[in-house]
PDB file of N, CA and C in Angstrom:
ATOM      1  N   MET A   1       0.809  -1.239   0.062  1.00  0.00           N
ATOM      2  CA  MET A   1       0.117  -0.236  -0.171  1.00  0.00           C
ATOM      3  C   MET A   1       0.905   0.903   0.012  1.00  0.00           C
ATOM      4  N   SER A   2       0.737   2.024  -1.239  1.00  0.00           N
ATOM      5  CA  SER A   2       1.383   3.743  -1.138  1.00  0.00           C
ATOM      6  C   SER A   2       1.403   4.432   0.434  1.00  0.00           C
ATOM      7  N   THR A   3       1.943   5.261   1.107  1.00  0.00           N
ATOM      8  CA  THR A   3       1.641   6.411   2.005  1.00  0.00           C
ATOM      9  C   THR A   3       2.218   7.264   0.900  1.00  0.00           C
ATOM     10  N   THR A   4       1.777   7.482   0.004  1.00  0.00           N
ATOM     11  CA  THR A   4       1.516   8.590  -0.982  1.00  0.00           C
ATOM     12  C   THR A   4       0.193   9.280  -0.803  1.00  0.00           C
ATOM     13  N   PRO A   5       0.091  10.775  -0.537  1.00  0.00           N
ATOM     14  CA  PRO A   5      -1.312  11.035  -0.711  1.00  0.00           C
ATOM     15  C   PRO A   5      -1.991  10.732  -2.103  1.00  0.00           C
ATOM     16  N   ASP A   6      -3.639  10.818  -1.528  1.00  0.00           N
ATOM     17  CA  ASP A   6      -4.119  10.486  -3.116  1.00  0.00           C
ATOM     18  C   ASP A   6      -4.369  11.720  -3.741  1.00  0.00           C
ATOM     19  N   ILE A   7      -4.170  11.423  -4.955  1.00  0.00           N
ATOM     20  CA  ILE A   7      -4.153  12.886  -5.783  1.00  0.00           C
ATOM     21  C   ILE A   7      -5.553  13.772  -5.793  1.00  0.00           C
ATOM     22  N   MET A   8      -6.049  12.987  -6.293  1.00  0.00           N
ATOM     23  CA  MET A   8      -7.647  12.885  -5.931  1.00  0.00           C
ATOM     24  C   MET A   8      -8.351  14.272  -4.742  1.00  0.00           C
ATOM     25  N   ASP A   9      -7.780  13.509  -3.749  1.00  0.00           N
ATOM     26  CA  ASP A   9      -7.898  14.226  -2.678  1.00  0.00           C
ATOM     27  C   ASP A   9      -7.174  15.776  -2.576  1.00  0.00           C
ATOM     28  N   LEU A  10      -6.340  15.452  -2.421  1.00  0.00           N
ATOM     29  CA  LEU A  10      -5.126  16.803  -2.765  1.00  0.00           C
ATOM     30  C   LEU A  10      -5.962  17.704  -3.982  1.00  0.00           C
ATOM     31  N   VAL A  11      -6.701  17.305  -5.409  1.00  0.00           N
ATOM     32  CA  VAL A  11      -7.332  18.013  -6.022  1.00  0.00           C
ATOM     33  C   VAL A  11      -8.679  18.653  -5.256  1.00  0.00           C
ATOM     34  N   ILE A  12      -9.191  18.101  -4.831  1.00  0.00           N
ATOM     35  CA  ILE A  12     -10.333  18.654  -3.514  1.00  0.00           C
ATOM     36  C   ILE A  12     -10.214  19.766  -2.933  1.00  0.00           C
ATOM     37  N   GLN A  13      -8.724  19.358  -2.403  1.00  0.00           N
ATOM     38  CA  GLN A  13      -8.860  20.405  -1.101  1.00  0.00           C
ATOM     39  C   GLN A  13      -7.971  21.658  -1.941  1.00  0.00           C
ATOM     40  N   ASP A  14      -7.962  21.452  -3.006  1.00  0.00           N
ATOM     41  CA  ASP A  14      -7.367  22.716  -3.983  1.00  0.00           C
ATOM     42  C   ASP A  14      -8.331  23.325  -4.093  1.00  0.00           C
ATOM     43  N   MET A  15      -9.255  22.647  -4.448  1.00  0.00           N
ATOM     44  CA  MET A  15     -10.962  23.278  -5.357  1.00  0.00           C
ATOM     45  C   MET A  15     -11.652  23.940  -3.673  1.00  0.00           C
ATOM     46  N   HIS A  16     -12.035  23.278  -2.967  1.00  0.00           N
ATOM     47  CA  HIS A  16     -11.917  24.353  -1.297  1.00  0.00           C
ATOM     48  C   HIS A  16     -11.807  24.824  -1.338  1.00  0.00           C
ATOM     49  N   ALA A  17     -10.242  25.515  -1.550  1.00  0.00           N
ATOM     50  CA  ALA A  17      -9.483  26.719  -1.587  1.00  0.00           C
ATOM     51  C   ALA A  17      -9.521  27.815  -2.318  1.00  0.00           C
ATOM     52  N   ARG A  18      -9.934  27.297  -3.194  1.00  0.00           N
ATOM     53  CA  ARG A  18     -10.102  28.106  -4.576  1.00  0.00           C
ATOM     54  C   ARG A  18     -11.270  28.651  -4.580  1.00  0.00           C
ATOM     55  N   LYS A  19     -12.502  28.010  -3.755  1.00  0.00           N
ATOM     56  CA  LYS A  19     -13.731  28.670  -3.412  1.00  0.00           C
ATOM     57  C   LYS A  19     -13.726  29.282  -2.074  1.00  0.00           C
ATOM     58  N   GLU A  20     -13.361  29.184  -1.058  1.00  0.00           N
ATOM     59  CA  GLU A  20     -13.330  30.109   0.007  1.00  0.00           C
ATOM     60  C   GLU A  20     -12.425  31.052  -0.784  1.00  0.00           C
ATOM     61  N   LEU A  21     -11.489  30.967  -1.422  1.00  0.00           N
ATOM     62  CA  LEU A  21     -10.674  32.328  -2.168  1.00  0.00           C
ATOM     63  C   LEU A  21     -11.708  33.023  -3.139  1.00  0.00           C
ATOM     64  N   GLY A  22     -12.462  32.727  -4.001  1.00  0.00           N
ATOM     65  CA  GLY A  22     -13.233  33.289  -4.268  1.00  0.00           C
ATOM     66  C   GLY A  22     -14.317  34.196  -3.776  1.00  0.00           C
ATOM     67  N   MET A  23     -14.993  33.333  -2.469  1.00  0.00           N
ATOM     68  CA  MET A  23     -16.335  34.027  -1.877  1.00  0.00           C
ATOM     69  C   MET A  23     -15.387  35.140  -1.000  1.00  0.00           C
ATOM     70  N   GLU A  24     -14.248  34.988  -0.325  1.00  0.00           N
ATOM     71  CA  GLU A  24     -13.531  36.562   0.320  1.00  0.00           C
ATOM     72  C   GLU A  24     -13.330  37.802  -0.594  1.00  0.00           C
ATOM     73  N   ARG A  25     -12.856  37.271  -2.896  1.00  0.00           N
ATOM     74  CA  ARG A  25     -12.673  38.197  -3.116  1.00  0.00           C
ATOM     75  C   ARG A  25     -14.221  38.768  -3.770  1.00  0.00           C
ATOM     76  N   TYR A  26     -15.247  38.045  -4.127  1.00  0.00           N
ATOM     77  CA  TYR A  26     -16.319  38.165  -5.008  1.00  0.00           C
ATOM     78  C   TYR A  26     -17.334  38.273  -4.489  1.00  0.00           C
ATOM     79  N   GLY A  27     -17.804  37.209  -2.833  1.00  0.00           N
ATOM     80  CA  GLY A  27     -18.767  37.428  -1.909  1.00  0.00           C
ATOM     81  C   GLY A  27     -19.549  36.662  -1.976  1.00  0.00           C
ATOM     82  N   VAL A  28     -19.693  35.726  -4.112  1.00  0.00           N
ATOM     83  CA  VAL A  28     -20.594  35.029  -4.101  1.00  0.00           C
ATOM     84  C   VAL A  28     -19.349  33.910  -4.877  1.00  0.00           C
ATOM     85  N   PRO A  29     -20.224  32.521  -4.821  1.00  0.00           N
ATOM     86  CA  PRO A  29     -19.607  31.718  -5.422  1.00  0.00           C
ATOM     87  C   PRO A  29     -19.920  31.438  -6.695  1.00  0.00           C
ATOM     88  N   LEU A  30     -18.775  30.948  -8.090  1.00  0.00           N
ATOM     89  CA  LEU A  30     -19.011  31.636  -9.304  1.00  0.00           C
ATOM     90  C   LEU A  30     -20.494  30.134  -9.674  1.00  0.00           C
ATOM     91  N   ARG A  31     -20.803  30.988 -10.798  1.00  0.00           N
ATOM     92  CA  ARG A  31     -22.264  31.051 -10.701  1.00  0.00           C
ATOM     93  C   ARG A  31     -22.741  31.008 -12.563  1.00  0.00           C
ATOM     94  N   THR A  32     -23.119  30.490 -12.639  1.00  0.00           N
ATOM     95  CA  THR A  32     -24.061  30.560 -14.454  1.00  0.00           C
ATOM     96  C   THR A  32     -24.380  31.484 -14.883  1.00  0.00           C
ATOM     97  N   PHE A  33     -24.516  32.289 -15.710  1.00  0.00           N
ATOM     98  CA  PHE A  33     -24.928  33.311 -16.429  1.00  0.00           C
ATOM     99  C   PHE A  33     -24.040  34.615 -15.700  1.00  0.00           C
ATOM    100  N   ASN A  34     -22.924  34.327 -15.282  1.00  0.00           N
ATOM    101  CA  ASN A  34     -22.990  35.778 -14.412  1.00  0.00           C
ATOM    102  C   ASN A  34     -22.228  36.698 -14.944  1.00  0.00           C
ATOM    103  N   GLY A  35     -22.010  36.899 -16.311  1.00  0.00           N
ATOM    104  CA  GLY A  35     -21.771  37.770 -17.265  1.00  0.00           C
ATOM    105  C   GLY A  35     -20.780  37.480 -17.930  1.00  0.00           C
ATOM    106  N   ARG A  36     -19.788  36.887 -16.992  1.00  0.00           N
ATOM    107  CA  ARG A  36     -18.379  36.925 -17.672  1.00  0.00           C
ATOM    108  C   ARG A  36     -18.241  35.472 -19.199  1.00  0.00           C
ATOM    109  N   LYS A  37     -17.566  35.802 -19.719  1.00  0.00           N
ATOM    110  CA  LYS A  37     -16.946  33.907 -21.131  1.00  0.00           C
ATOM    111  C   LYS A  37     -16.142  33.231 -20.348  1.00  0.00           C
ATOM    112  N   ALA A  38     -17.155  32.304 -20.279  1.00  0.00           N
ATOM    113  CA  ALA A  38     -16.102  30.945 -19.533  1.00  0.00           C
ATOM    114  C   ALA A  38     -15.201  30.878 -20.632  1.00  0.00           C
ATOM    115  N   LEU A  39     -15.686  30.159 -21.625  1.00  0.00           N
ATOM    116  CA  LEU A  39     -14.466  29.980 -22.122  1.00  0.00           C
ATOM    117  C   LEU A  39     -13.230  30.505 -22.859  1.00  0.00           C
ATOM    118  N   LYS A  40     -13.707  32.099 -22.636  1.00  0.00           N
ATOM    119  CA  LYS A  40     -12.378  33.165 -22.663  1.00  0.00           C
ATOM    120  C   LYS A  40     -12.047  32.933 -21.709  1.00  0.00           C
ATOM    121  N   ASP A  41     -11.901  33.041 -20.697  1.00  0.00           N
ATOM    122  CA  ASP A  41     -11.325  33.111 -19.441  1.00  0.00           C
ATOM    123  C   ASP A  41     -10.475  31.671 -19.259  1.00  0.00           C
ATOM    124  N   LEU A  42     -11.068  30.471 -19.766  1.00  0.00           N
ATOM    125  CA  LEU A  42     -10.552  29.393 -19.778  1.00  0.00           C
ATOM    126  C   LEU A  42      -9.252  29.344 -20.770  1.00  0.00           C
ATOM    127  N   TYR A  43      -9.862  29.627 -21.663  1.00  0.00           N
ATOM    128  CA  TYR A  43      -8.629  30.141 -22.631  1.00  0.00           C
ATOM    129  C   TYR A  43      -7.070  30.885 -21.922  1.00  0.00           C
ATOM    130  N   GLU A  44      -7.384  32.540 -21.339  1.00  0.00           N
ATOM    131  CA  GLU A  44      -6.931  32.996 -20.707  1.00  0.00           C
ATOM    132  C   GLU A  44      -6.289  32.413 -19.580  1.00  0.00           C
ATOM    133  N   GLU A  45      -6.563  31.585 -19.162  1.00  0.00           N
ATOM    134  CA  GLU A  45      -5.848  30.923 -17.807  1.00  0.00           C
ATOM    135  C   GLU A  45      -5.236  29.805 -18.604  1.00  0.00           C
ATOM    136  N   LEU A  46      -5.597  29.507 -19.785  1.00  0.00           N
ATOM    137  CA  LEU A  46      -4.234  28.027 -20.205  1.00  0.00           C
ATOM    138  C   LEU A  46      -3.223  28.889 -20.320  1.00  0.00           C
ATOM    139  N   LEU A  47      -3.512  29.970 -20.913  1.00  0.00           N
ATOM    140  CA  LEU A  47      -2.188  30.403 -21.780  1.00  0.00           C
ATOM    141  C   LEU A  47      -1.571  31.040 -20.813  1.00  0.00           C
ATOM    142  N   ASP A  48      -1.889  31.510 -19.847  1.00  0.00           N
ATOM    143  CA  ASP A  48      -1.221  32.071 -17.932  1.00  0.00           C
ATOM    144  C   ASP A  48      -0.558  30.284 -17.652  1.00  0.00           C
ATOM    145  N   ALA A  49      -1.234  29.209 -18.050  1.00  0.00           N
ATOM    146  CA  ALA A  49      -0.606  27.992 -17.056  1.00  0.00           C
ATOM    147  C   ALA A  49       0.830  28.133 -18.086  1.00  0.00           C
ATOM    148  N   CYS A  50       0.207  27.377 -19.497  1.00  0.00           N
ATOM    149  CA  CYS A  50       1.629  27.432 -20.576  1.00  0.00           C
ATOM    150  C   CYS A  50       2.917  28.477 -20.096  1.00  0.00           C
ATOM    151  N   VAL A  51       2.492  29.520 -19.732  1.00  0.00           N
ATOM    152  CA  VAL A  51       3.706  30.326 -19.480  1.00  0.00           C
ATOM    153  C   VAL A  51       4.443  29.984 -17.930  1.00  0.00           C
ATOM    154  N   TYR A  52       3.968  29.112 -17.574  1.00  0.00           N
ATOM    155  CA  TYR A  52       4.052  28.823 -16.216  1.00  0.00           C
ATOM    156  C   TYR A  52       4.679  27.795 -16.237  1.00  0.00           C
ATOM    157  N   ILE A  53       4.291  26.947 -17.303  1.00  0.00           N
ATOM    158  CA  ILE A  53       5.264  25.566 -17.163  1.00  0.00           C
ATOM    159  C   ILE A  53       6.218  25.986 -18.399  1.00  0.00           C
ATOM    160  N   ARG A  54       6.640  26.798 -19.292  1.00  0.00           N
ATOM    161  CA  ARG A  54       7.295  27.111 -19.829  1.00  0.00           C
ATOM    162  C   ARG A  54       8.493  27.885 -18.833  1.00  0.00           C
ATOM    163  N   GLN A  55       8.404  28.831 -18.147  1.00  0.00           N
ATOM    164  CA  GLN A  55       9.157  29.264 -17.206  1.00  0.00           C
ATOM    165  C   GLN A  55       9.756  27.975 -16.454  1.00  0.00           C
ATOM    166  N   GLU A  56       9.220  27.066 -15.578  1.00  0.00           N
ATOM    167  CA  GLU A  56       9.584  26.413 -14.910  1.00  0.00           C
ATOM    168  C   GLU A  56      10.575  25.261 -15.969  1.00  0.00           C
ATOM    169  N   MET A  57      10.012  24.913 -17.096  1.00  0.00           N
ATOM    170  CA  MET A  57      11.101  24.286 -17.996  1.00  0.00           C
ATOM    171  C   MET A  57      12.129  24.777 -17.934  1.00  0.00           C
ATOM    172  N   GLU A  58      12.105  26.268 -17.979  1.00  0.00           N
ATOM    173  CA  GLU A  58      13.300  27.288 -18.543  1.00  0.00           C
ATOM    174  C   GLU A  58      14.332  26.914 -17.179  1.00  0.00           C
ATOM    175  N   GLU A  59      13.591  27.371 -15.858  1.00  0.00           N
ATOM    176  CA  GLU A  59      14.367  27.043 -14.762  1.00  0.00           C
ATOM    177  C   GLU A  59      15.027  25.283 -14.108  1.00  0.00           C
ATOM    178  N   ARG A  60      14.578  24.846 -14.435  1.00  0.00           N
ATOM    179  CA  ARG A  60      15.126  23.371 -14.446  1.00  0.00           C
ATOM    180  C   ARG A  60      16.582  23.639 -15.467  1.00  0.00           C
ATOM    181  N   GLU A  61      15.816  23.457 -16.763  1.00  0.00           N
ATOM    182  CA  GLU A  61      17.363  23.584 -17.783  1.00  0.00           C
ATOM    183  C   GLU A  61      18.553  24.303 -17.374  1.00  0.00           C
ATOM    184  N   CYS A  62      17.812  25.579 -16.830  1.00  0.00           N
ATOM    185  CA  CYS A  62      19.261  26.346 -16.295  1.00  0.00           C
ATOM    186  C   CYS A  62      19.715  26.159 -15.173  1.00  0.00           C
ATOM    187  N   GLY A  63      19.398  25.267 -13.722  1.00  0.00           N
ATOM    188  CA  GLY A  63      19.896  24.848 -13.144  1.00  0.00           C
ATOM    189  C   GLY A  63      20.626  24.095 -13.429  1.00  0.00           C
ATOM    190  N   LYS A  64      20.355  22.857 -14.213  1.00  0.00           N
ATOM    191  CA  LYS A  64      20.584  21.509 -15.117  1.00  0.00           C
ATOM    192  C   LYS A  64      22.078  21.983 -15.223  1.00  0.00           C
ATOM    193  N   TRP A  65      21.870  23.334 -16.181  1.00  0.00           N
ATOM    194  CA  TRP A  65      23.341  23.488 -16.547  1.00  0.00           C
ATOM    195  C   TRP A  65      24.066  24.106 -15.649  1.00  0.00           C
ATOM    196  N   GLN A  66      24.176  24.677 -14.700  1.00  0.00           N
ATOM    197  CA  GLN A  66      24.590  25.534 -13.547  1.00  0.00           C
ATOM    198  C   GLN A  66      24.922  24.606 -12.712  1.00  0.00           C
ATOM    199  N   ALA A  67      24.225  23.211 -12.345  1.00  0.00           N
ATOM    200  CA  ALA A  67      25.244  22.077 -12.105  1.00  0.00           C
ATOM    201  C   ALA A  67      25.615  21.375 -12.342  1.00  0.00           C
ATOM    202  N   GLN A  68      26.086  21.545 -13.960  1.00  0.00           N
ATOM    203  CA  GLN A  68      26.702  20.868 -14.830  1.00  0.00           C
ATOM    204  C   GLN A  68      27.903  21.524 -14.090  1.00  0.00           C
ATOM    205  N   ALA A  69      27.948  22.813 -14.359  1.00  0.00           N
ATOM    206  CA  ALA A  69      29.618  23.840 -14.719  1.00  0.00           C
ATOM    207  C   ALA A  69      29.960  23.217 -13.071  1.00  0.00           C
ATOM    208  N   GLU A  70      29.145  23.608 -12.292  1.00  0.00           N
ATOM    209  CA  GLU A  70      29.317  23.179 -10.439  1.00  0.00           C
ATOM    210  C   GLU A  70      30.596  21.800 -10.970  1.00  0.00           C
ATOM    211  N   THR A  71      29.802  20.942 -11.398  1.00  0.00           N
ATOM    212  CA  THR A  71      30.359  19.639 -11.437  1.00  0.00           C
ATOM    213  C   THR A  71      32.403  19.769 -12.713  1.00  0.00           C
ATOM    214  N   ALA A  72      31.743  21.014 -13.120  1.00  0.00           N
ATOM    215  CA  ALA A  72      32.841  20.562 -14.262  1.00  0.00           C
ATOM    216  C   ALA A  72      34.107  21.764 -13.976  1.00  0.00           C
ATOM    217  N   LYS A  73      33.765  22.682 -13.124  1.00  0.00           N
ATOM    218  CA  LYS A  73      34.469  23.331 -12.036  1.00  0.00           C
ATOM    219  C   LYS A  73      35.448  22.713 -11.248  1.00  0.00           C
ATOM    220  N   GLU A  74      34.650  21.977 -10.335  1.00  0.00           N
ATOM    221  CA  GLU A  74      34.910  20.599  -9.075  1.00  0.00           C
ATOM    222  C   GLU A  74      36.459  19.788  -9.806  1.00  0.00           C
ATOM    223  N   LEU A  75      35.392  19.529 -11.067  1.00  0.00           N
ATOM    224  CA  LEU A  75      36.974  18.448 -11.818  1.00  0.00           C
ATOM    225  C   LEU A  75      37.537  18.951 -12.338  1.00  0.00           C
ATOM    226  N   ALA A  76      37.912  20.158 -12.618  1.00  0.00           N
ATOM    227  CA  ALA A  76      39.359  20.767 -13.836  1.00  0.00           C
ATOM    228  C   ALA A  76      40.270  21.483 -12.632  1.00  0.00           C
ATOM    229  N   THR A  77      40.059  21.771 -10.667  1.00  0.00           N
ATOM    230  CA  THR A  77      40.222  22.205  -9.999  1.00  0.00           C
ATOM    231  C   THR A  77      41.017  21.134  -9.230  1.00  0.00           C
ATOM    232  N   ALA A  78      40.161  20.214  -9.706  1.00  0.00           N
ATOM    233  CA  ALA A  78      40.623  18.633  -8.558  1.00  0.00           C
ATOM    234  C   ALA A  78      41.476  17.974 -10.023  1.00  0.00           C
ATOM    235  N   TRP A  79      41.463  18.106 -11.386  1.00  0.00           N
ATOM    236  CA  TRP A  79      42.651  17.968 -12.093  1.00  0.00           C
ATOM    237  C   TRP A  79      43.589  18.969 -12.018  1.00  0.00           C
ATOM    238  N   GLU A  80      43.372  20.084 -12.199  1.00  0.00           N
ATOM    239  CA  GLU A  80      44.683  21.088 -11.870  1.00  0.00           C
ATOM    240  C   GLU A  80      45.824  20.269 -10.790  1.00  0.00           C
ATOM    241  N   ALA A  81      44.933  20.231  -9.359  1.00  0.00           N
ATOM    242  CA  ALA A  81      45.674  19.781  -8.497  1.00  0.00           C
ATOM    243  C   ALA A  81      47.053  18.481  -8.475  1.00  0.00           C
ATOM    244  N   GLU A  82      46.145  17.568  -8.855  1.00  0.00           N
ATOM    245  CA  GLU A  82      46.573  16.169  -9.744  1.00  0.00           C
ATOM    246  C   GLU A  82      47.793  16.455 -10.736  1.00  0.00           C
ATOM    247  N   ASN A  83      47.799  17.524 -11.503  1.00  0.00           N
ATOM    248  CA  ASN A  83      48.318  17.418 -12.328  1.00  0.00           C
ATOM    249  C   ASN A  83      50.013  18.217 -11.863  1.00  0.00           C
ATOM    250  N   GLU A  84      49.674  18.896 -10.395  1.00  0.00           N
ATOM    251  CA  GLU A  84      50.733  19.787  -9.909  1.00  0.00           C
ATOM    252  C   GLU A  84      51.630  18.608  -9.085  1.00  0.00           C
ATOM    253  N   VAL A  85      50.516  17.767  -8.766  1.00  0.00           N
ATOM    254  CA  VAL A  85      51.640  16.705  -8.158  1.00  0.00           C
ATOM    255  C   VAL A  85      52.554  15.711  -8.913  1.00  0.00           C
ATOM    256  N   LEU A  86      52.090  15.717 -10.117  1.00  0.00           N
ATOM    257  CA  LEU A  86      52.672  14.673 -11.233  1.00  0.00           C
ATOM    258  C   LEU A  86      53.878  15.584 -11.555  1.00  0.00           C
ATOM    259  N   LYS A  87      53.379  16.967 -11.848  1.00  0.00           N
ATOM    260  CA  LYS A  87      55.123  17.400 -12.061  1.00  0.00           C
ATOM    261  C   LYS A  87      55.914  17.554 -11.315  1.00  0.00           C
ATOM    262  N   GLN A  88      55.495  17.624  -9.526  1.00  0.00           N
ATOM    263  CA  GLN A  88      57.166  17.934  -8.969  1.00  0.00           C
ATOM    264  C   GLN A  88      56.962  16.234  -9.078  1.00  0.00           C
ATOM    265  N   LYS A  89      56.561  15.247  -9.000  1.00  0.00           N
ATOM    266  CA  LYS A  89      56.895  13.762  -8.955  1.00  0.00           C
ATOM    267  C   LYS A  89      57.690  13.560 -10.453  1.00  0.00           C
ATOM    268  N   LEU A  90      57.812  14.554 -11.501  1.00  0.00           N
ATOM    269  CA  LEU A  90      58.081  13.934 -12.693  1.00  0.00           C
ATOM    270  C   LEU A  90      59.788  14.987 -12.418  1.00  0.00           C
ATOM    271  N   ARG A  91      59.603  15.935 -11.911  1.00  0.00           N
ATOM    272  CA  ARG A  91      60.929  16.979 -11.426  1.00  0.00           C
ATOM    273  C   ARG A  91      62.098  16.088 -10.722  1.00  0.00           C
ATOM    274  N   LEU A  92      61.138  15.148 -10.339  1.00  0.00           N
ATOM    275  CA  LEU A  92      62.313  14.601  -8.965  1.00  0.00           C
ATOM    276  C   LEU A  92      62.880  13.212  -9.681  1.00  0.00           C
ATOM    277  N   ALA A  93      62.123  12.663  -9.793  1.00  0.00           N
ATOM    278  CA  ALA A  93      62.134  11.232 -10.652  1.00  0.00           C
ATOM    279  C   ALA A  93      63.904  11.628 -12.148  1.00  0.00           C
ATOM    280  N   THR A  94      62.948  13.045 -12.097  1.00  0.00           N
ATOM    281  CA  THR A  94      64.470  13.076 -13.714  1.00  0.00           C
ATOM    282  C   THR A  94      65.144  14.352 -13.100  1.00  0.00           C
ATOM    283  N   ASP A  95      65.263  14.055 -11.865  1.00  0.00           N
ATOM    284  CA  ASP A  95      66.581  15.178 -10.712  1.00  0.00           C
ATOM    285  C   ASP A  95      67.904  14.016 -10.501  1.00  0.00           C
ATOM    286  N   PHE A  96      68.913  14.440 -11.079  1.00  0.00           N
ATOM    287  CA  PHE A  96      70.076  13.665 -10.810  1.00  0.00           C
ATOM    288  C   PHE A  96      70.867  14.225  -9.766  1.00  0.00           C
ATOM    289  N   CYS A  97      71.615  13.611  -8.958  1.00  0.00           N
ATOM    290  CA  CYS A  97      72.088  13.889  -7.680  1.00  0.00           C
ATOM    291  C   CYS A  97      73.637  15.142  -8.745  1.00  0.00           C
ATOM    292  N   GLN A  98      73.758  16.325  -8.469  1.00  0.00           N
ATOM    293  CA  GLN A  98      74.673  17.208  -8.678  1.00  0.00           C
ATOM    294  C   GLN A  98      75.990  16.271  -8.441  1.00  0.00           C
ATOM    295  N   VAL A  99      76.094  15.877  -7.273  1.00  0.00           N
ATOM    296  CA  VAL A  99      77.142  15.448  -7.059  1.00  0.00           C
ATOM    297  C   VAL A  99      77.921  14.013  -7.352  1.00  0.00           C
ATOM    298  N   CYS A 100      76.449  13.036  -7.265  1.00  0.00           N
ATOM    299  CA  CYS A 100      77.230  11.764  -7.584  1.00  0.00           C
ATOM    300  C   CYS A 100      76.411  11.307  -9.230  1.00  0.00           C
ATOM    301  N   GLY A 101      75.364  11.871  -9.463  1.00  0.00           N
ATOM    302  CA  GLY A 101      75.142  11.753 -10.793  1.00  0.00           C
ATOM    303  C   GLY A 101      73.434  10.260 -10.794  1.00  0.00           C
ATOM    304  N   LYS A 102      72.917  10.332  -9.393  1.00  0.00           N
ATOM    305  CA  LYS A 102      72.246   8.759  -9.509  1.00  0.00           C
ATOM    306  C   LYS A 102      71.442   9.594  -8.906  1.00  0.00           C
ATOM    307  N   HIS A 103      69.922   9.490  -9.012  1.00  0.00           N
ATOM    308  CA  HIS A 103      68.330   9.501  -8.912  1.00  0.00           C
ATOM    309  C   HIS A 103      68.887   9.776  -7.471  1.00  0.00           C
ATOM    310  N   PRO A 104      67.798  10.703  -6.621  1.00  0.00           N
ATOM    311  CA  PRO A 104      67.909  11.445  -4.950  1.00  0.00           C
ATOM    312  C   PRO A 104      67.169   9.463  -4.530  1.00  0.00           C
ATOM    313  N   PRO A 105      66.824   9.386  -3.748  1.00  0.00           N
ATOM    314  CA  PRO A 105      68.147   9.325  -3.062  1.00  0.00           C
ATOM    315  C   PRO A 105      69.282   8.546  -2.724  1.00  0.00           C
ATOM    316  N   CYS A 106      70.218   9.455  -2.586  1.00  0.00           N
ATOM    317  CA  CYS A 106      70.906   9.024  -2.045  1.00  0.00           C
ATOM    318  C   CYS A 106      71.647   9.848  -1.259  1.00  0.00           C
ATOM    319  N   GLU A 107      73.296   8.964  -0.566  1.00  0.00           N
ATOM    320  CA  GLU A 107      73.859   9.553   0.093  1.00  0.00           C
ATOM    321  C   GLU A 107      74.204  11.585   0.089  1.00  0.00           C
ATOM    322  N   HIS A 108      73.944  11.866  -1.027  1.00  0.00           N
ATOM    323  CA  HIS A 108      73.936  13.494  -0.757  1.00  0.00           C
ATOM    324  C   HIS A 108      72.451  14.112  -0.566  1.00  0.00           C
ATOM    325  N   VAL A 109      71.418  13.228  -1.286  1.00  0.00           N
ATOM    326  CA  VAL A 109      70.322  14.167  -1.450  1.00  0.00           C
ATOM    327  C   VAL A 109      69.367  12.825  -0.155  1.00  0.00           C
ATOM    328  N   PRO A 110      69.258  13.408   0.926  1.00  0.00           N
ATOM    329  CA  PRO A 110      68.308  12.385   2.267  1.00  0.00           C
ATOM    330  C   PRO A 110      66.721  11.929   1.166  1.00  0.00           C
ATOM    331  N   ASN A 111      66.892  11.014   2.287  1.00  0.00           N
ATOM    332  CA  ASN A 111      65.735   9.862   1.550  1.00  0.00           C
ATOM    333  C   ASN A 111      64.008  11.001   1.954  1.00  0.00           C
ATOM    334  N   ASN A 112      63.639  11.825   3.234  1.00  0.00           N
ATOM    335  CA  ASN A 112      62.714  12.927   3.643  1.00  0.00           C
ATOM    336  C   ASN A 112      62.775  13.925   2.657  1.00  0.00           C
ATOM    337  N   SER A 113      63.552  14.098   1.744  1.00  0.00           N
ATOM    338  CA  SER A 113      63.466  15.041   0.936  1.00  0.00           C
ATOM    339  C   SER A 113      61.703  14.756   0.406  1.00  0.00           C
ATOM    340  N   PHE A 114      61.573  13.334  -0.193  1.00  0.00           N
ATOM    341  CA  PHE A 114      59.790  13.389  -0.517  1.00  0.00           C
ATOM    342  C   PHE A 114      59.150  13.329  -0.034  1.00  0.00           C
ATOM    343  N   SER A 115      59.360  13.581   1.500  1.00  0.00           N
ATOM    344  CA  SER A 115      57.752  13.427   2.521  1.00  0.00           C
ATOM    345  C   SER A 115      57.100  14.658   1.872  1.00  0.00           C
ATOM    346  N   SER A 116      57.713  15.316   1.984  1.00  0.00           N
ATOM    347  CA  SER A 116      56.736  16.751   1.303  1.00  0.00           C
ATOM    348  C   SER A 116      55.437  16.876   0.386  1.00  0.00           C
ATOM    349  N   LEU A 117      55.788  15.681  -0.965  1.00  0.00           N
ATOM    350  CA  LEU A 117      54.754  15.635  -1.829  1.00  0.00           C
ATOM    351  C   LEU A 117      53.760  14.842  -1.145  1.00  0.00           C
ATOM    352  N   PRO A 118      52.569  15.192  -1.766  1.00  0.00           N
ATOM    353  CA  PRO A 118      51.189  13.948  -1.288  1.00  0.00           C
ATOM    354  C   PRO A 118      51.272  13.674  -2.121  1.00  0.00           C
ATOM    355  N   PRO A 119      50.829  12.156  -1.550  1.00  0.00           N
ATOM    356  CA  PRO A 119      50.437  11.572  -1.867  1.00  0.00           C
ATOM    357  C   PRO A 119      49.757  11.032  -3.953  1.00  0.00           C
ATOM    358  N   SER A 120      49.784  10.688  -4.478  1.00  0.00           N
ATOM    359  CA  SER A 120      49.093  10.693  -5.310  1.00  0.00           C
ATOM    360  C   SER A 120      47.330   9.830  -6.080  1.00  0.00           C
TER     361      SER A 120
END
């Protein structure tokens, strides 16, 4: 059994709330032959609904692109940091001791000179 609300009940609640709002604004419920053109009113309401739908679609699309841009920035930052670490390691791996010509660590370059590098 679902724990989500019954949609029909929600719509009925909304209709009661709209009726109350109409009573507050106009003092009477909506009746036939009230001088309004119901099809014209409906058409205008549907046009408004289309505008609201399009607004929501645009905001969702914009939000999706903003989220993707944030992810791309985070990935670029992480890549740049990792690239710097790799550059440092490459420099150390290709450096030779100026005294003996060997790769460090050697008796001239202590082993702890590598400890300042972050792990990859």
